[in-house]
């Protein structure tokens, strides 16, 4: 599965299980209500 999320610096990141699994909890904040769908559409 792939997830589009905004990191702590406000940038959009594509998460993969291999690369960012350990860093999700520390630096990733989900913002589904604001800008989420809009960012994916780009």
N, C-alpha and C. Protein backbone atom coordinates (compact mmCIF):
# COMPACT_ATOMS: atom_id res chain seq x y z
N UNK A 1 0.84 -1.21 0.00
CA UNK A 1 0.00 0.00 0.00
C UNK A 1 0.86 1.24 0.00
N UNK A 2 0.32 2.31 -0.54
CA UNK A 2 1.04 3.57 -0.58
C UNK A 2 0.18 4.65 0.06
N UNK A 3 0.82 5.55 0.78
CA UNK A 3 0.09 6.61 1.46
C UNK A 3 0.69 7.97 1.12
N UNK A 4 -0.18 8.91 0.79
CA UNK A 4 0.26 10.29 0.62
C UNK A 4 0.00 11.03 1.92
N UNK A 5 1.06 11.59 2.51
CA UNK A 5 0.87 12.31 3.77
C UNK A 5 1.72 13.57 3.79
N UNK A 6 1.35 14.50 4.65
CA UNK A 6 2.15 15.70 4.84
C UNK A 6 3.10 15.49 6.00
N UNK A 7 4.36 15.77 5.78
CA UNK A 7 5.33 15.62 6.86
C UNK A 7 5.32 16.85 7.74
N UNK A 8 6.19 16.89 8.73
CA UNK A 8 6.24 17.99 9.69
C UNK A 8 6.60 19.30 9.01
N UNK A 9 7.26 19.24 7.83
CA UNK A 9 7.66 20.47 7.15
C UNK A 9 6.63 20.90 6.12
N UNK A 10 5.49 20.18 6.09
CA UNK A 10 4.40 20.59 5.23
C UNK A 10 4.50 20.08 3.81
N UNK A 11 5.51 19.25 3.53
CA UNK A 11 5.67 18.72 2.19
C UNK A 11 4.92 17.40 2.05
N UNK A 12 4.55 17.10 0.81
CA UNK A 12 3.81 15.86 0.57
C UNK A 12 4.78 14.72 0.27
N UNK A 13 4.58 13.59 0.96
CA UNK A 13 5.48 12.46 0.79
C UNK A 13 4.71 11.20 0.45
N UNK A 14 5.31 10.39 -0.40
CA UNK A 14 4.74 9.08 -0.70
C UNK A 14 5.45 8.05 0.18
N UNK A 15 4.69 7.45 1.08
CA UNK A 15 5.30 6.51 2.02
C UNK A 15 5.34 5.12 1.44
N UNK A 16 6.45 4.45 1.62
CA UNK A 16 6.56 3.04 1.25
C UNK A 16 6.97 2.26 2.50
N UNK A 17 6.57 1.01 2.54
CA UNK A 17 6.85 0.21 3.73
C UNK A 17 8.34 0.06 3.98
N UNK A 18 9.13 0.04 2.93
CA UNK A 18 10.57 -0.17 3.09
C UNK A 18 11.26 1.08 3.61
N UNK A 19 10.95 2.23 3.02
CA UNK A 19 11.74 3.43 3.28
C UNK A 19 11.41 4.11 4.60
N UNK A 20 10.13 4.31 4.87
CA UNK A 20 9.77 5.22 5.96
C UNK A 20 9.00 4.56 7.09
N UNK A 21 9.01 3.25 7.14
CA UNK A 21 8.19 2.56 8.13
C UNK A 21 8.58 2.97 9.56
N UNK A 22 9.87 3.15 9.79
CA UNK A 22 10.34 3.46 11.13
C UNK A 22 10.17 4.93 11.47
N UNK A 23 10.06 5.79 10.44
CA UNK A 23 10.03 7.22 10.69
C UNK A 23 8.63 7.78 10.67
N UNK A 24 7.63 6.94 10.38
CA UNK A 24 6.26 7.42 10.29
C UNK A 24 5.81 8.11 11.57
N UNK A 25 5.94 7.43 12.68
CA UNK A 25 5.39 7.92 13.94
C UNK A 25 6.07 9.19 14.40
N UNK A 26 7.35 9.35 14.04
CA UNK A 26 8.08 10.51 14.52
C UNK A 26 7.76 11.77 13.74
N UNK A 27 7.78 11.68 12.39
CA UNK A 27 7.76 12.90 11.60
C UNK A 27 6.51 13.11 10.75
N UNK A 28 5.66 12.08 10.68
CA UNK A 28 4.51 12.20 9.79
C UNK A 28 3.24 12.54 10.58
N UNK A 29 2.55 13.56 10.11
CA UNK A 29 1.27 13.93 10.71
C UNK A 29 0.21 13.88 9.62
N UNK A 30 -0.85 13.11 9.87
CA UNK A 30 -1.91 13.00 8.88
C UNK A 30 -2.82 14.22 8.94
N UNK A 31 -3.14 14.78 7.77
CA UNK A 31 -4.07 15.90 7.72
C UNK A 31 -5.15 15.61 6.68
N UNK A 32 -6.02 14.63 6.95
CA UNK A 32 -7.01 14.21 5.96
C UNK A 32 -8.04 15.28 5.67
N UNK A 33 -8.26 16.20 6.61
CA UNK A 33 -9.31 17.19 6.44
C UNK A 33 -8.84 18.40 5.64
N UNK A 34 -7.55 18.63 5.58
CA UNK A 34 -7.08 19.87 4.97
C UNK A 34 -6.02 19.60 3.91
N UNK A 35 -6.38 19.81 2.64
CA UNK A 35 -5.40 19.74 1.57
C UNK A 35 -5.02 18.33 1.15
N UNK A 36 -5.60 17.33 1.79
CA UNK A 36 -5.20 15.95 1.51
C UNK A 36 -5.61 15.55 0.10
N UNK A 37 -6.91 15.61 -0.19
CA UNK A 37 -7.40 15.23 -1.51
C UNK A 37 -6.84 16.13 -2.60
N UNK A 38 -6.72 17.41 -2.27
CA UNK A 38 -6.25 18.38 -3.26
C UNK A 38 -4.82 18.07 -3.67
N UNK A 39 -4.00 17.69 -2.73
CA UNK A 39 -2.60 17.41 -3.03
C UNK A 39 -2.47 16.16 -3.89
N UNK A 40 -3.31 15.17 -3.63
CA UNK A 40 -3.25 13.94 -4.39
C UNK A 40 -3.66 14.18 -5.85
N UNK A 41 -4.61 15.12 -6.05
CA UNK A 41 -5.10 15.38 -7.39
C UNK A 41 -4.02 15.97 -8.28
N UNK A 42 -3.06 16.68 -7.69
CA UNK A 42 -2.04 17.34 -8.50
C UNK A 42 -1.28 16.30 -9.29
